[in-house]
Amino acid sequence: MFNNKSKSARKEVEAIFNEIQINLENNYKDLAIGARKNAEKRLDELRADGSLSDKDYAKLKATLDDYTKRMEGYHH
């Protein structure tokens, strides 16, 4: 059961990452910034409630950090 919970949590965060990617590709900076903030918040929530293992959290956090770095010049 824990594995399914973790898989579901990963899919949820990856869907938010997909939203960020689509917004970046379409040059929707404000939407990309909002999706990144949402991803950061949700990632922390899922880690806090135990839905993500430390390994999954580290992988997803690294991906989020990559998006954050790509969006460094964006201001909202």
PDB file of N, CA and C in Angstrom:
ATOM      1  N   MET A   1       0.824  -1.190   0.000  1.00  0.00           N
ATOM      2  CA  MET A   1       0.000   0.000   0.000  1.00  0.00           C
ATOM      3  C   MET A   1       0.867   1.253   0.000  1.00  0.00           C
ATOM      4  N   PHE A   2       1.930   1.246   0.786  1.00  0.00           N
ATOM      5  CA  PHE A   2       2.821   2.405   0.821  1.00  0.00           C
ATOM      6  C   PHE A   2       3.374   2.708  -0.556  1.00  0.00           C
ATOM      7  N   ASN A   3       3.684   1.661  -1.306  1.00  0.00           N
ATOM      8  CA  ASN A   3       4.237   1.838  -2.640  1.00  0.00           C
ATOM      9  C   ASN A   3       3.241   2.553  -3.555  1.00  0.00           C
ATOM     10  N   ASN A   4       1.971   2.174  -3.477  1.00  0.00           N
ATOM     11  CA  ASN A   4       0.945   2.824  -4.295  1.00  0.00           C
ATOM     12  C   ASN A   4       0.768   4.286  -3.904  1.00  0.00           C
ATOM     13  N   LYS A   5       0.847   4.555  -2.618  1.00  0.00           N
ATOM     14  CA  LYS A   5       0.726   5.926  -2.135  1.00  0.00           C
ATOM     15  C   LYS A   5       1.882   6.765  -2.665  1.00  0.00           C
ATOM     16  N   SER A   6       3.064   6.201  -2.634  1.00  0.00           N
ATOM     17  CA  SER A   6       4.252   6.898  -3.130  1.00  0.00           C
ATOM     18  C   SER A   6       4.165   7.115  -4.630  1.00  0.00           C
ATOM     19  N   LYS A   7       3.703   6.103  -5.355  1.00  0.00           N
ATOM     20  CA  LYS A   7       3.571   6.206  -6.803  1.00  0.00           C
ATOM     21  C   LYS A   7       2.558   7.286  -7.164  1.00  0.00           C
ATOM     22  N   SER A   8       1.460   7.333  -6.449  1.00  0.00           N
ATOM     23  CA  SER A   8       0.431   8.335  -6.685  1.00  0.00           C
ATOM     24  C   SER A   8       0.968   9.740  -6.407  1.00  0.00           C
ATOM     25  N   ALA A   9       1.731   9.887  -5.349  1.00  0.00           N
ATOM     26  CA  ALA A   9       2.309  11.180  -4.996  1.00  0.00           C
ATOM     27  C   ALA A   9       3.303  11.634  -6.056  1.00  0.00           C
ATOM     28  N   ARG A  10       4.132  10.701  -6.538  1.00  0.00           N
ATOM     29  CA  ARG A  10       5.102  11.034  -7.601  1.00  0.00           C
ATOM     30  C   ARG A  10       4.379  11.501  -8.859  1.00  0.00           C
ATOM     31  N   LYS A  11       3.320  10.788  -9.224  1.00  0.00           N
ATOM     32  CA  LYS A  11       2.558  11.156 -10.422  1.00  0.00           C
ATOM     33  C   LYS A  11       1.937  12.541 -10.276  1.00  0.00           C
ATOM     34  N   GLU A  12       1.456  12.856  -9.099  1.00  0.00           N
ATOM     35  CA  GLU A  12       0.856  14.159  -8.853  1.00  0.00           C
ATOM     36  C   GLU A  12       1.887  15.280  -9.052  1.00  0.00           C
ATOM     37  N   VAL A  13       3.063  15.106  -8.479  1.00  0.00           N
ATOM     38  CA  VAL A  13       4.108  16.124  -8.609  1.00  0.00           C
ATOM     39  C   VAL A  13       4.599  16.194 -10.048  1.00  0.00           C
ATOM     40  N   GLU A  14       4.737  15.055 -10.704  1.00  0.00           N
ATOM     41  CA  GLU A  14       5.185  15.049 -12.097  1.00  0.00           C
ATOM     42  C   GLU A  14       4.169  15.741 -13.005  1.00  0.00           C
ATOM     43  N   ALA A  15       2.886  15.664 -12.678  1.00  0.00           N
ATOM     44  CA  ALA A  15       1.862  16.376 -13.453  1.00  0.00           C
ATOM     45  C   ALA A  15       2.039  17.886 -13.296  1.00  0.00           C
ATOM     46  N   ILE A  16       2.396  18.319 -12.097  1.00  0.00           N
ATOM     47  CA  ILE A  16       2.649  19.748 -11.883  1.00  0.00           C
ATOM     48  C   ILE A  16       3.904  20.163 -12.652  1.00  0.00           C
ATOM     49  N   PHE A  17       4.921  19.304 -12.661  1.00  0.00           N
ATOM     50  CA  PHE A  17       6.135  19.595 -13.433  1.00  0.00           C
ATOM     51  C   PHE A  17       5.799  19.712 -14.919  1.00  0.00           C
ATOM     52  N   ASN A  18       4.905  18.872 -15.388  1.00  0.00           N
ATOM     53  CA  ASN A  18       4.474  18.943 -16.784  1.00  0.00           C
ATOM     54  C   ASN A  18       3.805  20.289 -17.064  1.00  0.00           C
ATOM     55  N   GLU A  19       3.017  20.749 -16.127  1.00  0.00           N
ATOM     56  CA  GLU A  19       2.369  22.056 -16.266  1.00  0.00           C
ATOM     57  C   GLU A  19       3.426  23.165 -16.349  1.00  0.00           C
ATOM     58  N   ILE A  20       4.452  23.087 -15.512  1.00  0.00           N
ATOM     59  CA  ILE A  20       5.535  24.072 -15.557  1.00  0.00           C
ATOM     60  C   ILE A  20       6.187  24.050 -16.941  1.00  0.00           C
ATOM     61  N   GLN A  21       6.506  22.849 -17.414  1.00  0.00           N
ATOM     62  CA  GLN A  21       7.185  22.694 -18.700  1.00  0.00           C
ATOM     63  C   GLN A  21       6.357  23.283 -19.843  1.00  0.00           C
ATOM     64  N   ILE A  22       5.089  22.984 -19.861  1.00  0.00           N
ATOM     65  CA  ILE A  22       4.204  23.499 -20.913  1.00  0.00           C
ATOM     66  C   ILE A  22       4.156  25.021 -20.861  1.00  0.00           C
ATOM     67  N   ASN A  23       4.043  25.574 -19.666  1.00  0.00           N
ATOM     68  CA  ASN A  23       4.001  27.030 -19.534  1.00  0.00           C
ATOM     69  C   ASN A  23       5.313  27.673 -19.961  1.00  0.00           C
ATOM     70  N   LEU A  24       6.432  27.031 -19.665  1.00  0.00           N
ATOM     71  CA  LEU A  24       7.722  27.562 -20.101  1.00  0.00           C
ATOM     72  C   LEU A  24       7.847  27.514 -21.625  1.00  0.00           C
ATOM     73  N   GLU A  25       7.414  26.409 -22.209  1.00  0.00           N
ATOM     74  CA  GLU A  25       7.497  26.267 -23.661  1.00  0.00           C
ATOM     75  C   GLU A  25       6.643  27.299 -24.384  1.00  0.00           C
ATOM     76  N   ASN A  26       5.530  27.683 -23.773  1.00  0.00           N
ATOM     77  CA  ASN A  26       4.626  28.654 -24.384  1.00  0.00           C
ATOM     78  C   ASN A  26       4.904  30.085 -23.919  1.00  0.00           C
ATOM     79  N   ASN A  27       5.969  30.239 -23.143  1.00  0.00           N
ATOM     80  CA  ASN A  27       6.406  31.549 -22.656  1.00  0.00           C
ATOM     81  C   ASN A  27       5.351  32.215 -21.764  1.00  0.00           C
ATOM     82  N   TYR A  28       4.625  31.397 -21.005  1.00  0.00           N
ATOM     83  CA  TYR A  28       3.662  31.912 -20.040  1.00  0.00           C
ATOM     84  C   TYR A  28       4.370  32.000 -18.692  1.00  0.00           C
ATOM     85  N   LYS A  29       5.124  33.056 -18.510  1.00  0.00           N
ATOM     86  CA  LYS A  29       5.995  33.171 -17.334  1.00  0.00           C
ATOM     87  C   LYS A  29       5.216  33.193 -16.026  1.00  0.00           C
ATOM     88  N   ASP A  30       4.138  33.967 -15.962  1.00  0.00           N
ATOM     89  CA  ASP A  30       3.370  34.048 -14.719  1.00  0.00           C
ATOM     90  C   ASP A  30       2.777  32.698 -14.336  1.00  0.00           C
ATOM     91  N   LEU A  31       2.258  31.990 -15.324  1.00  0.00           N
ATOM     92  CA  LEU A  31       1.694  30.666 -15.045  1.00  0.00           C
ATOM     93  C   LEU A  31       2.783  29.678 -14.636  1.00  0.00           C
ATOM     94  N   ALA A  32       3.946  29.781 -15.249  1.00  0.00           N
ATOM     95  CA  ALA A  32       5.063  28.903 -14.887  1.00  0.00           C
ATOM     96  C   ALA A  32       5.514  29.175 -13.458  1.00  0.00           C
ATOM     97  N   ILE A  33       5.571  30.441 -13.082  1.00  0.00           N
ATOM     98  CA  ILE A  33       5.959  30.802 -11.715  1.00  0.00           C
ATOM     99  C   ILE A  33       4.943  30.251 -10.719  1.00  0.00           C
ATOM    100  N   GLY A  34       3.666  30.400 -11.020  1.00  0.00           N
ATOM    101  CA  GLY A  34       2.617  29.879 -10.139  1.00  0.00           C
ATOM    102  C   GLY A  34       2.668  28.370 -10.013  1.00  0.00           C
ATOM    103  N   ALA A  35       2.901  27.684 -11.113  1.00  0.00           N
ATOM    104  CA  ALA A  35       2.981  26.221 -11.084  1.00  0.00           C
ATOM    105  C   ALA A  35       4.213  25.767 -10.304  1.00  0.00           C
ATOM    106  N   ARG A  36       5.321  26.506 -10.422  1.00  0.00           N
ATOM    107  CA  ARG A  36       6.527  26.146  -9.676  1.00  0.00           C
ATOM    108  C   ARG A  36       6.293  26.301  -8.176  1.00  0.00           C
ATOM    109  N   LYS A  37       5.625  27.377  -7.785  1.00  0.00           N
ATOM    110  CA  LYS A  37       5.310  27.578  -6.369  1.00  0.00           C
ATOM    111  C   LYS A  37       4.380  26.481  -5.862  1.00  0.00           C
ATOM    112  N   ASN A  38       3.411  26.109  -6.689  1.00  0.00           N
ATOM    113  CA  ASN A  38       2.489  25.037  -6.341  1.00  0.00           C
ATOM    114  C   ASN A  38       3.244  23.713  -6.172  1.00  0.00           C
ATOM    115  N   ALA A  39       4.172  23.450  -7.086  1.00  0.00           N
ATOM    116  CA  ALA A  39       4.961  22.214  -7.021  1.00  0.00           C
ATOM    117  C   ALA A  39       5.794  22.180  -5.752  1.00  0.00           C
ATOM    118  N   GLU A  40       6.407  23.299  -5.424  1.00  0.00           N
ATOM    119  CA  GLU A  40       7.249  23.366  -4.218  1.00  0.00           C
ATOM    120  C   GLU A  40       6.414  23.098  -2.967  1.00  0.00           C
ATOM    121  N   LYS A  41       5.258  23.742  -2.893  1.00  0.00           N
ATOM    122  CA  LYS A  41       4.366  23.573  -1.736  1.00  0.00           C
ATOM    123  C   LYS A  41       3.884  22.126  -1.629  1.00  0.00           C
ATOM    124  N   ARG A  42       3.429  21.575  -2.766  1.00  0.00           N
ATOM    125  CA  ARG A  42       2.878  20.216  -2.752  1.00  0.00           C
ATOM    126  C   ARG A  42       3.957  19.179  -2.443  1.00  0.00           C
ATOM    127  N   LEU A  43       5.145  19.394  -2.966  1.00  0.00           N
ATOM    128  CA  LEU A  43       6.255  18.484  -2.709  1.00  0.00           C
ATOM    129  C   LEU A  43       6.560  18.435  -1.212  1.00  0.00           C
ATOM    130  N   ASP A  44       6.587  19.599  -0.575  1.00  0.00           N
ATOM    131  CA  ASP A  44       6.835  19.656   0.868  1.00  0.00           C
ATOM    132  C   ASP A  44       5.706  18.996   1.660  1.00  0.00           C
ATOM    133  N   GLU A  45       4.465  19.204   1.221  1.00  0.00           N
ATOM    134  CA  GLU A  45       3.320  18.584   1.902  1.00  0.00           C
ATOM    135  C   GLU A  45       3.386  17.063   1.817  1.00  0.00           C
ATOM    136  N   LEU A  46       3.693  16.556   0.623  1.00  0.00           N
ATOM    137  CA  LEU A  46       3.742  15.109   0.431  1.00  0.00           C
ATOM    138  C   LEU A  46       4.884  14.479   1.223  1.00  0.00           C
ATOM    139  N   ARG A  47       5.976  15.200   1.350  1.00  0.00           N
ATOM    140  CA  ARG A  47       7.093  14.689   2.149  1.00  0.00           C
ATOM    141  C   ARG A  47       6.708  14.669   3.632  1.00  0.00           C
ATOM    142  N   ALA A  48       6.056  15.738   4.081  1.00  0.00           N
ATOM    143  CA  ALA A  48       5.684  15.863   5.488  1.00  0.00           C
ATOM    144  C   ALA A  48       4.693  14.788   5.920  1.00  0.00           C
ATOM    145  N   ASP A  49       3.768  14.428   5.027  1.00  0.00           N
ATOM    146  CA  ASP A  49       2.782  13.415   5.430  1.00  0.00           C
ATOM    147  C   ASP A  49       3.238  11.986   5.131  1.00  0.00           C
ATOM    148  N   GLY A  50       4.454  11.835   4.641  1.00  0.00           N
ATOM    149  CA  GLY A  50       5.017  10.506   4.431  1.00  0.00           C
ATOM    150  C   GLY A  50       4.637   9.854   3.116  1.00  0.00           C
ATOM    151  N   SER A  51       4.018  10.595   2.213  1.00  0.00           N
ATOM    152  CA  SER A  51       3.620  10.026   0.929  1.00  0.00           C
ATOM    153  C   SER A  51       4.800   9.792   0.003  1.00  0.00           C
ATOM    154  N   LEU A  52       5.883  10.536   0.226  1.00  0.00           N
ATOM    155  CA  LEU A  52       7.081  10.379  -0.604  1.00  0.00           C
ATOM    156  C   LEU A  52       8.233   9.848   0.241  1.00  0.00           C
ATOM    157  N   SER A  53       8.944   8.899  -0.306  1.00  0.00           N
ATOM    158  CA  SER A  53      10.151   8.422   0.363  1.00  0.00           C
ATOM    159  C   SER A  53      11.231   9.483   0.210  1.00  0.00           C
ATOM    160  N   ASP A  54      12.272   9.372   1.000  1.00  0.00           N
ATOM    161  CA  ASP A  54      13.373  10.335   0.897  1.00  0.00           C
ATOM    162  C   ASP A  54      14.015  10.293  -0.481  1.00  0.00           C
ATOM    163  N   LYS A  55      14.106   9.093  -1.045  1.00  0.00           N
ATOM    164  CA  LYS A  55      14.710   8.934  -2.371  1.00  0.00           C
ATOM    165  C   LYS A  55      13.867   9.644  -3.431  1.00  0.00           C
ATOM    166  N   ASP A  56      12.549   9.425  -3.405  1.00  0.00           N
ATOM    167  CA  ASP A  56      11.658  10.083  -4.367  1.00  0.00           C
ATOM    168  C   ASP A  56      11.669  11.587  -4.174  1.00  0.00           C
ATOM    169  N   TYR A  57      11.660  12.011  -2.915  1.00  0.00           N
ATOM    170  CA  TYR A  57      11.692  13.445  -2.636  1.00  0.00           C
ATOM    171  C   TYR A  57      12.959  14.079  -3.213  1.00  0.00           C
ATOM    172  N   ALA A  58      14.096  13.431  -3.007  1.00  0.00           N
ATOM    173  CA  ALA A  58      15.368  13.971  -3.495  1.00  0.00           C
ATOM    174  C   ALA A  58      15.360  14.107  -5.015  1.00  0.00           C
ATOM    175  N   LYS A  59      14.830  13.102  -5.717  1.00  0.00           N
ATOM    176  CA  LYS A  59      14.763  13.156  -7.182  1.00  0.00           C
ATOM    177  C   LYS A  59      13.854  14.290  -7.649  1.00  0.00           C
ATOM    178  N   LEU A  60      12.680  14.373  -7.059  1.00  0.00           N
ATOM    179  CA  LEU A  60      11.716  15.386  -7.456  1.00  0.00           C
ATOM    180  C   LEU A  60      12.193  16.789  -7.077  1.00  0.00           C
ATOM    181  N   LYS A  61      12.851  16.904  -5.931  1.00  0.00           N
ATOM    182  CA  LYS A  61      13.393  18.190  -5.502  1.00  0.00           C
ATOM    183  C   LYS A  61      14.487  18.651  -6.463  1.00  0.00           C
ATOM    184  N   ALA A  62      15.310  17.730  -6.947  1.00  0.00           N
ATOM    185  CA  ALA A  62      16.357  18.077  -7.917  1.00  0.00           C
ATOM    186  C   ALA A  62      15.731  18.598  -9.207  1.00  0.00           C
ATOM    187  N   THR A  63      14.649  17.966  -9.649  1.00  0.00           N
ATOM    188  CA  THR A  63      13.948  18.431 -10.844  1.00  0.00           C
ATOM    189  C   THR A  63      13.370  19.819 -10.613  1.00  0.00           C
ATOM    190  N   LEU A  64      12.777  20.029  -9.460  1.00  0.00           N
ATOM    191  CA  LEU A  64      12.223  21.338  -9.126  1.00  0.00           C
ATOM    192  C   LEU A  64      13.335  22.384  -9.079  1.00  0.00           C
ATOM    193  N   ASP A  65      14.476  22.030  -8.535  1.00  0.00           N
ATOM    194  CA  ASP A  65      15.613  22.957  -8.490  1.00  0.00           C
ATOM    195  C   ASP A  65      16.075  23.331  -9.895  1.00  0.00           C
ATOM    196  N   ASP A  66      16.028  22.378 -10.823  1.00  0.00           N
ATOM    197  CA  ASP A  66      16.381  22.668 -12.216  1.00  0.00           C
ATOM    198  C   ASP A  66      15.417  23.697 -12.816  1.00  0.00           C
ATOM    199  N   TYR A  67      14.128  23.500 -12.567  1.00  0.00           N
ATOM    200  CA  TYR A  67      13.136  24.466 -13.064  1.00  0.00           C
ATOM    201  C   TYR A  67      13.366  25.840 -12.423  1.00  0.00           C
ATOM    202  N   THR A  68      13.653  25.850 -11.141  1.00  0.00           N
ATOM    203  CA  THR A  68      13.896  27.103 -10.439  1.00  0.00           C
ATOM    204  C   THR A  68      15.091  27.835 -11.050  1.00  0.00           C
ATOM    205  N   LYS A  69      16.138  27.086 -11.355  1.00  0.00           N
ATOM    206  CA  LYS A  69      17.325  27.698 -11.953  1.00  0.00           C
ATOM    207  C   LYS A  69      17.005  28.256 -13.344  1.00  0.00           C
ATOM    208  N   ARG A  70      16.229  27.504 -14.126  1.00  0.00           N
ATOM    209  CA  ARG A  70      15.842  27.972 -15.468  1.00  0.00           C
ATOM    210  C   ARG A  70      15.011  29.244 -15.414  1.00  0.00           C
ATOM    211  N   MET A  71      14.287  29.425 -14.307  1.00  0.00           N
ATOM    212  CA  MET A  71      13.366  30.542 -14.194  1.00  0.00           C
ATOM    213  C   MET A  71      13.953  31.688 -13.373  1.00  0.00           C
ATOM    214  N   GLU A  72      15.248  31.668 -13.139  1.00  0.00           N
ATOM    215  CA  GLU A  72      15.900  32.660 -12.288  1.00  0.00           C
ATOM    216  C   GLU A  72      15.585  34.110 -12.672  1.00  0.00           C
ATOM    217  N   GLY A  73      15.542  34.424 -13.934  1.00  0.00           N
ATOM    218  CA  GLY A  73      15.311  35.796 -14.369  1.00  0.00           C
ATOM    219  C   GLY A  73      13.854  36.209 -14.391  1.00  0.00           C
ATOM    220  N   TYR A  74      12.958  35.298 -14.089  1.00  0.00           N
ATOM    221  CA  TYR A  74      11.531  35.606 -14.112  1.00  0.00           C
ATOM    222  C   TYR A  74      11.142  36.296 -12.811  1.00  0.00           C
ATOM    223  N   HIS A  75      10.363  37.344 -12.915  1.00  0.00           N
ATOM    224  CA  HIS A  75       9.901  38.054 -11.727  1.00  0.00           C
ATOM    225  C   HIS A  75       8.402  38.200 -11.804  1.00  0.00           C
ATOM    226  N   HIS A  76       7.806  38.100 -10.642  1.00  0.00           N
ATOM    227  CA  HIS A  76       6.351  38.192 -10.578  1.00  0.00           C
ATOM    228  C   HIS A  76       5.957  39.227  -9.554  1.00  0.00           C
TER     229      HIS A  76
END
